[in-house]
Amino acid sequence: MNNKVAILKKEILSDNWYTLNKVTFEYTNKKGDKQVQSREAYDRGNGATILLYNKETKTVILTRQFRMPTYINGNETGMLIEACAGLLEKDNAEDCIKKETEEETGFKIDHVEKVFEAYMSPGSVTEILYFFIAEYSKDHKKNEGGGVEDEEDIEVLELDFDKAMNMINTGEIKDGKTIMLLQYAKINNIMNG
């Protein structure tokens, strides 16, 4: 535990979709001065994300779906190209991402490799995201994907890896987790490994 932090009060501001808390705490800075501060922290649970890749065809599987927060922040269509992802809920990260992969992309993957984990927006969101990669082939395709019926409307994209990398430069891919996974793949040369 951090002995420089003492939580004084925690109040729920919203418990509608997920939980938004206001936390008042005492923080001792590097000079030894105690300061009372408050922050809002959004708790939506932890998540997992995956990049499916095929070394033979040099392709990756991504998804496209509507994301309201991007729409209200200037994304004219609200559509976002992303790596498959989902919230852990009661699953461990590996089981979660295998389930999400099949639901969203239609690919049933038995072996996934965890490559790292990261806080995605640590100034306001509690979520830690577990990042995975997995090799896929046409034989792994079990259904059309698209997400949970009547809840999600997900388009499955199979893209040339170099094109996907270039889509970061053109601004067609703006999702942080997707950029991180594509750059991981490039840095670690997984298409040729």
N, C-alpha and C. Protein backbone atom coordinates (compact mmCIF):
# COMPACT_ATOMS: atom_id res chain seq x y z
N MET A 1 0.83 -1.19 0.00
CA MET A 1 0.00 0.00 0.00
C MET A 1 0.87 1.25 0.00
N ASN A 2 0.34 2.31 -0.54
CA ASN A 2 1.05 3.58 -0.60
C ASN A 2 0.74 4.37 0.67
N ASN A 3 1.74 4.56 1.52
CA ASN A 3 1.50 5.24 2.79
C ASN A 3 1.39 6.76 2.63
N LYS A 4 1.48 7.25 1.39
CA LYS A 4 1.30 8.68 1.12
C LYS A 4 -0.16 9.02 0.81
N VAL A 5 -1.01 7.99 0.72
CA VAL A 5 -2.41 8.19 0.35
C VAL A 5 -3.32 7.66 1.44
N ALA A 6 -4.30 8.47 1.84
CA ALA A 6 -5.33 8.03 2.79
C ALA A 6 -6.68 8.43 2.22
N ILE A 7 -7.51 7.44 1.90
CA ILE A 7 -8.84 7.75 1.38
C ILE A 7 -9.72 8.21 2.53
N LEU A 8 -10.30 9.39 2.36
CA LEU A 8 -11.13 9.99 3.39
C LEU A 8 -12.62 9.73 3.16
N LYS A 9 -13.03 9.71 1.88
CA LYS A 9 -14.45 9.56 1.58
C LYS A 9 -14.60 9.05 0.14
N LYS A 10 -15.57 8.18 -0.04
CA LYS A 10 -15.87 7.66 -1.38
C LYS A 10 -17.38 7.71 -1.56
N GLU A 11 -17.84 8.40 -2.60
CA GLU A 11 -19.28 8.48 -2.84
C GLU A 11 -19.59 8.13 -4.29
N ILE A 12 -20.69 7.43 -4.48
CA ILE A 12 -21.11 7.03 -5.82
C ILE A 12 -21.88 8.18 -6.46
N LEU A 13 -21.41 8.64 -7.61
CA LEU A 13 -22.08 9.69 -8.36
C LEU A 13 -23.06 9.11 -9.37
N SER A 14 -22.73 7.94 -9.90
CA SER A 14 -23.59 7.27 -10.87
C SER A 14 -23.33 5.78 -10.80
N ASP A 15 -24.40 5.01 -10.87
CA ASP A 15 -24.30 3.55 -10.89
C ASP A 15 -25.24 3.01 -11.96
N ASN A 16 -25.23 3.69 -13.11
CA ASN A 16 -26.17 3.37 -14.17
C ASN A 16 -25.58 2.32 -15.11
N TRP A 17 -24.62 2.69 -15.92
CA TRP A 17 -24.00 1.77 -16.87
C TRP A 17 -22.88 1.02 -16.16
N TYR A 18 -21.95 1.78 -15.59
CA TYR A 18 -20.92 1.27 -14.69
C TYR A 18 -20.92 2.20 -13.49
N THR A 19 -19.86 2.26 -12.71
CA THR A 19 -19.89 3.05 -11.48
C THR A 19 -18.93 4.23 -11.57
N LEU A 20 -19.46 5.42 -11.31
CA LEU A 20 -18.65 6.62 -11.24
C LEU A 20 -18.57 7.04 -9.78
N ASN A 21 -17.35 7.02 -9.23
CA ASN A 21 -17.12 7.38 -7.83
C ASN A 21 -16.41 8.72 -7.73
N LYS A 22 -16.72 9.45 -6.68
CA LYS A 22 -15.93 10.62 -6.30
C LYS A 22 -15.16 10.22 -5.06
N VAL A 23 -13.83 10.30 -5.14
CA VAL A 23 -12.97 9.88 -4.05
C VAL A 23 -12.24 11.11 -3.50
N THR A 24 -12.42 11.35 -2.21
CA THR A 24 -11.69 12.42 -1.53
C THR A 24 -10.59 11.74 -0.73
N PHE A 25 -9.36 12.25 -0.87
CA PHE A 25 -8.23 11.60 -0.23
C PHE A 25 -7.21 12.63 0.23
N GLU A 26 -6.38 12.19 1.14
CA GLU A 26 -5.26 13.01 1.60
C GLU A 26 -4.00 12.45 0.96
N TYR A 27 -3.22 13.32 0.35
CA TYR A 27 -2.01 12.90 -0.34
C TYR A 27 -0.82 13.66 0.24
N THR A 28 0.22 12.94 0.61
CA THR A 28 1.44 13.55 1.11
C THR A 28 2.43 13.69 -0.04
N ASN A 29 2.76 14.95 -0.41
CA ASN A 29 3.64 15.16 -1.55
C ASN A 29 5.11 14.95 -1.17
N LYS A 30 6.00 15.13 -2.15
CA LYS A 30 7.42 14.84 -1.91
C LYS A 30 8.06 15.78 -0.89
N LYS A 31 7.45 16.93 -0.62
CA LYS A 31 7.94 17.84 0.42
C LYS A 31 7.45 17.45 1.81
N GLY A 32 6.54 16.48 1.85
CA GLY A 32 5.96 16.06 3.13
C GLY A 32 4.68 16.79 3.48
N ASP A 33 4.23 17.68 2.60
CA ASP A 33 2.98 18.42 2.84
C ASP A 33 1.78 17.54 2.53
N LYS A 34 0.77 17.61 3.39
CA LYS A 34 -0.46 16.85 3.17
C LYS A 34 -1.46 17.75 2.44
N GLN A 35 -2.06 17.17 1.39
CA GLN A 35 -3.04 17.91 0.60
C GLN A 35 -4.31 17.06 0.50
N VAL A 36 -5.46 17.71 0.67
CA VAL A 36 -6.73 17.01 0.46
C VAL A 36 -7.14 17.29 -0.98
N GLN A 37 -7.39 16.19 -1.72
CA GLN A 37 -7.77 16.28 -3.12
C GLN A 37 -8.99 15.40 -3.35
N SER A 38 -9.67 15.63 -4.47
CA SER A 38 -10.74 14.71 -4.85
C SER A 38 -10.66 14.47 -6.35
N ARG A 39 -11.00 13.26 -6.71
CA ARG A 39 -10.99 12.85 -8.12
C ARG A 39 -12.23 11.99 -8.37
N GLU A 40 -12.69 12.04 -9.63
CA GLU A 40 -13.74 11.13 -10.05
C GLU A 40 -13.07 9.97 -10.77
N ALA A 41 -13.50 8.78 -10.46
CA ALA A 41 -12.93 7.58 -11.08
C ALA A 41 -14.06 6.69 -11.59
N TYR A 42 -13.98 6.35 -12.85
CA TYR A 42 -14.99 5.53 -13.50
C TYR A 42 -14.56 4.07 -13.42
N ASP A 43 -15.37 3.23 -12.79
CA ASP A 43 -15.05 1.81 -12.63
C ASP A 43 -15.95 1.00 -13.54
N ARG A 44 -15.38 0.48 -14.59
CA ARG A 44 -16.13 -0.35 -15.54
C ARG A 44 -15.61 -1.77 -15.57
N GLY A 45 -14.72 -2.09 -14.64
CA GLY A 45 -14.12 -3.42 -14.63
C GLY A 45 -12.89 -3.45 -15.51
N ASN A 46 -12.26 -4.60 -15.58
CA ASN A 46 -11.07 -4.79 -16.40
C ASN A 46 -11.44 -5.46 -17.71
N GLY A 47 -10.54 -5.40 -18.68
CA GLY A 47 -10.86 -5.94 -19.99
C GLY A 47 -9.68 -6.67 -20.62
N ALA A 48 -9.95 -7.20 -21.81
CA ALA A 48 -8.93 -7.90 -22.59
C ALA A 48 -9.13 -7.56 -24.05
N THR A 49 -8.04 -7.57 -24.79
CA THR A 49 -8.08 -7.29 -26.23
C THR A 49 -7.10 -8.21 -26.94
N ILE A 50 -7.34 -8.42 -28.24
CA ILE A 50 -6.50 -9.38 -28.98
C ILE A 50 -6.30 -8.93 -30.42
N LEU A 51 -5.12 -9.22 -30.94
CA LEU A 51 -4.83 -9.05 -32.36
C LEU A 51 -4.70 -10.45 -32.95
N LEU A 52 -5.61 -10.78 -33.85
CA LEU A 52 -5.51 -12.03 -34.61
C LEU A 52 -4.67 -11.75 -35.85
N TYR A 53 -3.69 -12.62 -36.12
CA TYR A 53 -2.82 -12.40 -37.26
C TYR A 53 -2.58 -13.71 -38.00
N ASN A 54 -2.32 -13.59 -39.30
CA ASN A 54 -2.05 -14.75 -40.14
C ASN A 54 -0.73 -14.48 -40.87
N LYS A 55 0.30 -15.25 -40.54
CA LYS A 55 1.62 -15.05 -41.13
C LYS A 55 1.65 -15.38 -42.62
N GLU A 56 0.87 -16.38 -43.01
CA GLU A 56 0.87 -16.82 -44.41
C GLU A 56 0.29 -15.75 -45.33
N THR A 57 -0.87 -15.20 -44.94
CA THR A 57 -1.53 -14.20 -45.79
C THR A 57 -1.12 -12.77 -45.44
N LYS A 58 -0.37 -12.60 -44.32
CA LYS A 58 0.06 -11.28 -43.84
C LYS A 58 -1.14 -10.37 -43.57
N THR A 59 -2.15 -10.96 -42.89
CA THR A 59 -3.37 -10.21 -42.59
C THR A 59 -3.66 -10.22 -41.09
N VAL A 60 -4.50 -9.31 -40.69
CA VAL A 60 -4.99 -9.23 -39.31
C VAL A 60 -6.50 -9.10 -39.34
N ILE A 61 -7.13 -9.52 -38.23
CA ILE A 61 -8.58 -9.39 -38.08
C ILE A 61 -8.85 -8.24 -37.12
N LEU A 62 -9.60 -7.26 -37.59
CA LEU A 62 -10.05 -6.14 -36.76
C LEU A 62 -11.56 -6.05 -36.87
N THR A 63 -12.16 -5.16 -36.11
CA THR A 63 -13.61 -4.97 -36.14
C THR A 63 -13.92 -3.50 -36.36
N ARG A 64 -15.15 -3.22 -36.79
CA ARG A 64 -15.62 -1.85 -36.90
C ARG A 64 -17.00 -1.79 -36.24
N GLN A 65 -17.17 -0.81 -35.34
CA GLN A 65 -18.46 -0.64 -34.69
C GLN A 65 -18.66 0.80 -34.26
N PHE A 66 -19.90 1.14 -33.96
CA PHE A 66 -20.25 2.49 -33.52
C PHE A 66 -19.85 2.68 -32.06
N ARG A 67 -19.19 3.80 -31.78
CA ARG A 67 -18.78 4.15 -30.42
C ARG A 67 -19.26 5.57 -30.11
N MET A 68 -20.30 5.66 -29.29
CA MET A 68 -20.92 6.95 -28.98
C MET A 68 -19.93 7.99 -28.44
N PRO A 69 -19.05 7.64 -27.48
CA PRO A 69 -18.13 8.68 -27.00
C PRO A 69 -17.29 9.31 -28.10
N THR A 70 -16.89 8.54 -29.12
CA THR A 70 -16.11 9.14 -30.21
C THR A 70 -17.01 10.05 -31.05
N TYR A 71 -18.27 9.67 -31.20
CA TYR A 71 -19.21 10.47 -31.99
C TYR A 71 -19.42 11.84 -31.36
N ILE A 72 -19.61 11.87 -30.04
CA ILE A 72 -19.84 13.16 -29.39
C ILE A 72 -18.55 13.96 -29.24
N ASN A 73 -17.41 13.34 -29.56
CA ASN A 73 -16.13 14.04 -29.51
C ASN A 73 -15.59 14.34 -30.92
N GLY A 74 -16.49 14.38 -31.91
CA GLY A 74 -16.08 14.83 -33.24
C GLY A 74 -15.90 13.78 -34.30
N ASN A 75 -16.00 12.49 -33.98
CA ASN A 75 -15.93 11.44 -34.99
C ASN A 75 -17.27 11.45 -35.73
N GLU A 76 -17.29 11.97 -36.95
CA GLU A 76 -18.53 12.25 -37.67
C GLU A 76 -19.46 11.05 -37.81
N THR A 77 -18.91 9.86 -37.98
CA THR A 77 -19.75 8.67 -38.13
C THR A 77 -19.89 7.90 -36.82
N GLY A 78 -18.96 8.11 -35.91
CA GLY A 78 -18.95 7.34 -34.67
C GLY A 78 -18.40 5.94 -34.84
N MET A 79 -18.05 5.58 -36.06
CA MET A 79 -17.52 4.24 -36.33
C MET A 79 -16.03 4.22 -36.00
N LEU A 80 -15.60 3.11 -35.38
CA LEU A 80 -14.21 2.97 -34.97
C LEU A 80 -13.69 1.60 -35.35
N ILE A 81 -12.50 1.56 -35.94
CA ILE A 81 -11.85 0.29 -36.26
C ILE A 81 -11.01 -0.09 -35.04
N GLU A 82 -11.23 -1.32 -34.56
CA GLU A 82 -10.61 -1.75 -33.31
C GLU A 82 -10.17 -3.21 -33.37
N ALA A 83 -9.26 -3.55 -32.45
CA ALA A 83 -8.98 -4.95 -32.17
C ALA A 83 -10.15 -5.48 -31.35
N CYS A 84 -10.45 -6.73 -31.50
CA CYS A 84 -11.50 -7.38 -30.71
C CYS A 84 -11.19 -7.19 -29.22
N ALA A 85 -12.22 -6.90 -28.42
CA ALA A 85 -12.00 -6.67 -26.99
C ALA A 85 -13.30 -6.91 -26.23
N GLY A 86 -13.17 -7.05 -24.92
CA GLY A 86 -14.34 -7.20 -24.07
C GLY A 86 -13.99 -7.08 -22.60
N LEU A 87 -15.01 -6.89 -21.80
CA LEU A 87 -14.84 -6.80 -20.35
C LEU A 87 -14.75 -8.20 -19.76
N LEU A 88 -13.93 -8.33 -18.72
CA LEU A 88 -13.71 -9.64 -18.10
C LEU A 88 -14.96 -10.20 -17.45
N GLU A 89 -15.78 -9.35 -16.87
CA GLU A 89 -16.94 -9.80 -16.10
C GLU A 89 -16.47 -10.83 -15.08
N LYS A 90 -16.91 -12.07 -15.14
CA LYS A 90 -16.49 -13.07 -14.16
C LYS A 90 -15.38 -13.98 -14.68
N ASP A 91 -14.97 -13.79 -15.94
CA ASP A 91 -13.95 -14.63 -16.55
C ASP A 91 -12.55 -14.14 -16.20
N ASN A 92 -11.57 -15.05 -16.33
CA ASN A 92 -10.19 -14.58 -16.30
C ASN A 92 -9.90 -14.01 -17.69
N ALA A 93 -8.80 -13.30 -17.83
CA ALA A 93 -8.51 -12.58 -19.08
C ALA A 93 -8.43 -13.51 -20.29
N GLU A 94 -7.78 -14.66 -20.14
CA GLU A 94 -7.63 -15.57 -21.27
C GLU A 94 -8.97 -16.15 -21.71
N ASP A 95 -9.78 -16.61 -20.76
CA ASP A 95 -11.11 -17.15 -21.12
C ASP A 95 -11.98 -16.07 -21.75
N CYS A 96 -11.90 -14.86 -21.19
CA CYS A 96 -12.68 -13.75 -21.72
C CYS A 96 -12.35 -13.48 -23.18
N ILE A 97 -11.07 -13.37 -23.49
CA ILE A 97 -10.70 -12.98 -24.84
C ILE A 97 -11.01 -14.08 -25.84
N LYS A 98 -10.93 -15.33 -25.44
CA LYS A 98 -11.32 -16.43 -26.34
C LYS A 98 -12.81 -16.34 -26.66
N LYS A 99 -13.63 -16.09 -25.63
CA LYS A 99 -15.08 -15.97 -25.82
C LYS A 99 -15.41 -14.76 -26.69
N GLU A 100 -14.80 -13.61 -26.39
CA GLU A 100 -15.05 -12.38 -27.16
C GLU A 100 -14.62 -12.54 -28.62
N THR A 101 -13.50 -13.23 -28.83
CA THR A 101 -13.00 -13.45 -30.19
C THR A 101 -14.03 -14.19 -31.03
N GLU A 102 -14.59 -15.26 -30.47
CA GLU A 102 -15.59 -16.02 -31.22
C GLU A 102 -16.87 -15.21 -31.43
N GLU A 103 -17.34 -14.51 -30.38
CA GLU A 103 -18.57 -13.71 -30.50
C GLU A 103 -18.41 -12.60 -31.53
N GLU A 104 -17.30 -11.87 -31.45
CA GLU A 104 -17.14 -10.69 -32.30
C GLU A 104 -16.64 -11.00 -33.70
N THR A 105 -15.70 -11.95 -33.84
CA THR A 105 -15.08 -12.19 -35.14
C THR A 105 -15.51 -13.48 -35.81
N GLY A 106 -16.05 -14.42 -35.04
CA GLY A 106 -16.42 -15.72 -35.58
C GLY A 106 -15.28 -16.72 -35.58
N PHE A 107 -14.10 -16.31 -35.15
CA PHE A 107 -12.94 -17.21 -35.11
C PHE A 107 -12.83 -17.85 -33.72
N LYS A 108 -12.74 -19.18 -33.69
CA LYS A 108 -12.55 -19.91 -32.43
C LYS A 108 -11.07 -20.21 -32.29
N ILE A 109 -10.46 -19.57 -31.31
CA ILE A 109 -9.02 -19.68 -31.09
C ILE A 109 -8.77 -20.42 -29.78
N ASP A 110 -7.94 -21.47 -29.85
CA ASP A 110 -7.64 -22.24 -28.64
C ASP A 110 -6.41 -21.73 -27.91
N HIS A 111 -5.44 -21.21 -28.65
CA HIS A 111 -4.20 -20.74 -28.02
C HIS A 111 -4.04 -19.24 -28.22
N VAL A 112 -3.92 -18.51 -27.11
CA VAL A 112 -3.65 -17.08 -27.15
C VAL A 112 -2.38 -16.81 -26.34
N GLU A 113 -1.69 -15.74 -26.68
CA GLU A 113 -0.47 -15.37 -25.97
C GLU A 113 -0.64 -13.98 -25.37
N LYS A 114 -0.53 -13.90 -24.04
CA LYS A 114 -0.58 -12.59 -23.39
C LYS A 114 0.75 -11.89 -23.63
N VAL A 115 0.69 -10.62 -24.10
CA VAL A 115 1.92 -9.91 -24.42
C VAL A 115 2.22 -8.78 -23.44
N PHE A 116 1.20 -8.17 -22.85
CA PHE A 116 1.40 -7.16 -21.81
C PHE A 116 0.05 -6.74 -21.26
N GLU A 117 0.08 -5.87 -20.26
CA GLU A 117 -1.14 -5.29 -19.72
C GLU A 117 -0.87 -3.81 -19.48
N ALA A 118 -1.94 -2.99 -19.56
CA ALA A 118 -1.76 -1.55 -19.43
C ALA A 118 -3.03 -0.88 -18.92
N TYR A 119 -2.83 0.18 -18.15
CA TYR A 119 -3.94 1.08 -17.81
C TYR A 119 -4.13 2.00 -19.01
N MET A 120 -5.35 2.11 -19.49
CA MET A 120 -5.59 2.86 -20.72
C MET A 120 -5.89 4.34 -20.50
N SER A 121 -6.46 4.70 -19.39
CA SER A 121 -6.77 6.09 -19.10
C SER A 121 -6.69 6.29 -17.59
N PRO A 122 -5.47 6.19 -17.02
CA PRO A 122 -5.31 6.12 -15.56
C PRO A 122 -5.71 7.37 -14.79
N GLY A 123 -5.93 8.47 -15.49
CA GLY A 123 -6.37 9.68 -14.80
C GLY A 123 -7.83 9.67 -14.41
N SER A 124 -8.62 8.77 -15.03
CA SER A 124 -10.04 8.79 -14.74
C SER A 124 -10.74 7.43 -14.76
N VAL A 125 -10.09 6.40 -15.29
CA VAL A 125 -10.73 5.09 -15.42
C VAL A 125 -9.88 4.04 -14.70
N THR A 126 -10.52 3.17 -13.92
CA THR A 126 -9.80 2.16 -13.15
C THR A 126 -9.33 0.98 -13.99
N GLU A 127 -9.88 0.78 -15.16
CA GLU A 127 -9.64 -0.41 -15.98
C GLU A 127 -8.17 -0.66 -16.30
N ILE A 128 -7.79 -1.93 -16.14
CA ILE A 128 -6.52 -2.42 -16.70
C ILE A 128 -6.91 -3.35 -17.84
N LEU A 129 -6.17 -3.26 -18.94
CA LEU A 129 -6.48 -4.04 -20.13
C LEU A 129 -5.37 -5.04 -20.37
N TYR A 130 -5.76 -6.31 -20.59
CA TYR A 130 -4.82 -7.39 -20.87
C TYR A 130 -4.75 -7.56 -22.39
N PHE A 131 -3.54 -7.51 -22.94
CA PHE A 131 -3.33 -7.55 -24.38
C PHE A 131 -2.84 -8.94 -24.80
N PHE A 132 -3.49 -9.49 -25.84
CA PHE A 132 -3.16 -10.82 -26.35
C PHE A 132 -2.93 -10.75 -27.85
N ILE A 133 -2.22 -11.75 -28.36
CA ILE A 133 -2.12 -12.00 -29.79
C ILE A 133 -2.41 -13.48 -30.01
N ALA A 134 -2.84 -13.81 -31.23
CA ALA A 134 -3.08 -15.22 -31.58
C ALA A 134 -3.04 -15.35 -33.09
N GLU A 135 -2.46 -16.44 -33.52
CA GLU A 135 -2.44 -16.73 -34.95
C GLU A 135 -3.77 -17.37 -35.34
N TYR A 136 -4.27 -17.01 -36.52
CA TYR A 136 -5.53 -17.59 -37.00
C TYR A 136 -5.34 -18.10 -38.43
N SER A 137 -6.26 -18.98 -38.80
CA SER A 137 -6.33 -19.44 -40.19
C SER A 137 -7.81 -19.54 -40.55
N LYS A 138 -8.09 -19.78 -41.80
CA LYS A 138 -9.48 -19.93 -42.26
C LYS A 138 -10.19 -21.07 -41.51
N ASP A 139 -9.43 -22.08 -41.08
CA ASP A 139 -10.01 -23.22 -40.36
C ASP A 139 -10.59 -22.82 -39.01
N HIS A 140 -10.13 -21.70 -38.46
CA HIS A 140 -10.63 -21.23 -37.16
C HIS A 140 -11.98 -20.52 -37.27
N LYS A 141 -12.41 -20.22 -38.50
CA LYS A 141 -13.67 -19.49 -38.70
C LYS A 141 -14.85 -20.44 -38.47
N LYS A 142 -15.63 -20.17 -37.42
CA LYS A 142 -16.75 -21.04 -37.05
C LYS A 142 -18.11 -20.40 -37.31
N ASN A 143 -18.16 -19.07 -37.36
CA ASN A 143 -19.41 -18.36 -37.66
C ASN A 143 -19.07 -16.98 -38.20
N GLU A 144 -20.08 -16.18 -38.47
CA GLU A 144 -19.86 -14.86 -39.07
C GLU A 144 -19.40 -13.80 -38.07
N GLY A 145 -19.52 -14.08 -36.78
CA GLY A 145 -19.15 -13.08 -35.78
C GLY A 145 -20.20 -11.98 -35.74
N GLY A 146 -19.77 -10.78 -35.39
CA GLY A 146 -20.70 -9.65 -35.35
C GLY A 146 -21.16 -9.29 -33.96
N GLY A 147 -20.77 -10.06 -32.96
CA GLY A 147 -21.14 -9.74 -31.58
C GLY A 147 -22.42 -10.42 -31.14
N VAL A 148 -22.84 -10.08 -29.93
CA VAL A 148 -24.05 -10.65 -29.35
C VAL A 148 -25.26 -10.07 -30.09
N GLU A 149 -26.11 -10.96 -30.60
CA GLU A 149 -27.28 -10.53 -31.38
C GLU A 149 -28.16 -9.60 -30.56
N ASP A 150 -28.66 -8.56 -31.20
CA ASP A 150 -29.54 -7.55 -30.61
C ASP A 150 -28.84 -6.66 -29.58
N GLU A 151 -27.54 -6.85 -29.36
CA GLU A 151 -26.78 -5.99 -28.45
C GLU A 151 -25.62 -5.31 -29.16
N GLU A 152 -25.00 -6.01 -30.10
CA GLU A 152 -23.83 -5.48 -30.79
C GLU A 152 -24.04 -5.55 -32.29
N ASP A 153 -23.43 -4.63 -33.01
CA ASP A 153 -23.50 -4.58 -34.46
C ASP A 153 -22.08 -4.38 -34.97
N ILE A 154 -21.34 -5.47 -35.05
CA ILE A 154 -19.90 -5.43 -35.31
C ILE A 154 -19.60 -5.97 -36.71
N GLU A 155 -18.84 -5.20 -37.47
CA GLU A 155 -18.38 -5.63 -38.78
C GLU A 155 -16.98 -6.22 -38.62
N VAL A 156 -16.75 -7.39 -39.18
CA VAL A 156 -15.45 -8.06 -39.11
C VAL A 156 -14.63 -7.66 -40.33
N LEU A 157 -13.39 -7.22 -40.08
CA LEU A 157 -12.50 -6.78 -41.16
C LEU A 157 -11.25 -7.65 -41.20
N GLU A 158 -10.92 -8.17 -42.37
CA GLU A 158 -9.64 -8.84 -42.56
C GLU A 158 -8.79 -7.91 -43.42
N LEU A 159 -7.72 -7.40 -42.83
CA LEU A 159 -6.92 -6.38 -43.49
C LEU A 159 -5.49 -6.84 -43.67
N ASP A 160 -4.89 -6.43 -44.78
CA ASP A 160 -3.46 -6.61 -44.99
C ASP A 160 -2.74 -5.89 -43.84
N PHE A 161 -1.75 -6.54 -43.24
CA PHE A 161 -1.06 -5.97 -42.10
C PHE A 161 -0.45 -4.61 -42.42
N ASP A 162 0.24 -4.49 -43.55
CA ASP A 162 0.85 -3.21 -43.91
C ASP A 162 -0.21 -2.13 -44.10
N LYS A 163 -1.35 -2.50 -44.67
CA LYS A 163 -2.43 -1.53 -44.83
C LYS A 163 -2.94 -1.08 -43.46
N ALA A 164 -3.10 -2.02 -42.54
CA ALA A 164 -3.56 -1.67 -41.19
C ALA A 164 -2.58 -0.72 -40.52
N MET A 165 -1.29 -0.99 -40.67
CA MET A 165 -0.27 -0.09 -40.10
C MET A 165 -0.39 1.30 -40.72
N ASN A 166 -0.60 1.37 -42.02
CA ASN A 166 -0.74 2.67 -42.69
C ASN A 166 -2.01 3.40 -42.26
N MET A 167 -3.04 2.65 -41.88
CA MET A 167 -4.30 3.26 -41.44
C MET A 167 -4.12 4.04 -40.13
N ILE A 168 -3.07 3.72 -39.38
CA ILE A 168 -2.74 4.53 -38.20
C ILE A 168 -2.29 5.90 -38.68
N ASN A 169 -1.41 5.93 -39.70
CA ASN A 169 -0.88 7.19 -40.23
C ASN A 169 -1.96 8.04 -40.88
N THR A 170 -2.92 7.41 -41.54
CA THR A 170 -3.97 8.17 -42.22
C THR A 170 -5.08 8.60 -41.28
N GLY A 171 -5.07 8.07 -40.05
CA GLY A 171 -6.12 8.42 -39.10
C GLY A 171 -7.35 7.54 -39.19
N GLU A 172 -7.31 6.52 -40.04
CA GLU A 172 -8.45 5.60 -40.14
C GLU A 172 -8.54 4.71 -38.91
N ILE A 173 -7.41 4.44 -38.28
CA ILE A 173 -7.37 3.71 -37.01
C ILE A 173 -6.91 4.69 -35.94
N LYS A 174 -7.80 4.96 -34.98
CA LYS A 174 -7.52 5.91 -33.90
C LYS A 174 -7.68 5.29 -32.52
N ASP A 175 -7.99 4.02 -32.46
CA ASP A 175 -8.21 3.34 -31.19
C ASP A 175 -6.86 2.97 -30.57
N GLY A 176 -6.65 3.40 -29.32
CA GLY A 176 -5.37 3.20 -28.65
C GLY A 176 -4.94 1.76 -28.54
N LYS A 177 -5.85 0.88 -28.11
CA LYS A 177 -5.47 -0.53 -27.92
C LYS A 177 -5.08 -1.18 -29.23
N THR A 178 -5.75 -0.78 -30.31
CA THR A 178 -5.46 -1.34 -31.62
C THR A 178 -4.10 -0.86 -32.12
N ILE A 179 -3.84 0.41 -31.94
CA ILE A 179 -2.54 0.96 -32.32
C ILE A 179 -1.43 0.25 -31.55
N MET A 180 -1.63 0.06 -30.25
CA MET A 180 -0.62 -0.61 -29.42
C MET A 180 -0.35 -2.03 -29.91
N LEU A 181 -1.41 -2.77 -30.23
CA LEU A 181 -1.23 -4.15 -30.69
C LEU A 181 -0.57 -4.21 -32.07
N LEU A 182 -0.97 -3.34 -32.97
CA LEU A 182 -0.35 -3.32 -34.30
C LEU A 182 1.14 -2.95 -34.19
N GLN A 183 1.44 -1.97 -33.36
CA GLN A 183 2.85 -1.60 -33.18
C GLN A 183 3.64 -2.71 -32.50
N TYR A 184 3.02 -3.41 -31.55
CA TYR A 184 3.68 -4.57 -30.94
C TYR A 184 4.02 -5.59 -32.02
N ALA A 185 3.06 -5.86 -32.89
CA ALA A 185 3.28 -6.85 -33.97
C ALA A 185 4.42 -6.41 -34.88
N LYS A 186 4.47 -5.14 -35.21
CA LYS A 186 5.52 -4.62 -36.08
C LYS A 186 6.89 -4.69 -35.40
N ILE A 187 6.97 -4.18 -34.16
CA ILE A 187 8.24 -4.16 -33.42
C ILE A 187 8.79 -5.57 -33.23
N ASN A 188 7.89 -6.52 -32.95
CA ASN A 188 8.31 -7.89 -32.68
C ASN A 188 8.30 -8.79 -33.91
N ASN A 189 8.03 -8.20 -35.06
CA ASN A 189 8.12 -8.89 -36.35
C ASN A 189 7.32 -10.21 -36.35
N ILE A 190 6.11 -10.18 -35.79
CA ILE A 190 5.36 -11.44 -35.66
C ILE A 190 4.88 -11.99 -37.00
N MET A 191 4.80 -11.16 -38.01
CA MET A 191 4.37 -11.67 -39.32
C MET A 191 5.44 -12.55 -39.96
N ASN A 192 6.68 -12.36 -39.55
CA ASN A 192 7.79 -13.13 -40.13
C ASN A 192 8.45 -14.05 -39.12
N GLY A 193 7.92 -14.06 -37.89
CA GLY A 193 8.55 -14.83 -36.81
C GLY A 193 8.37 -16.31 -36.91
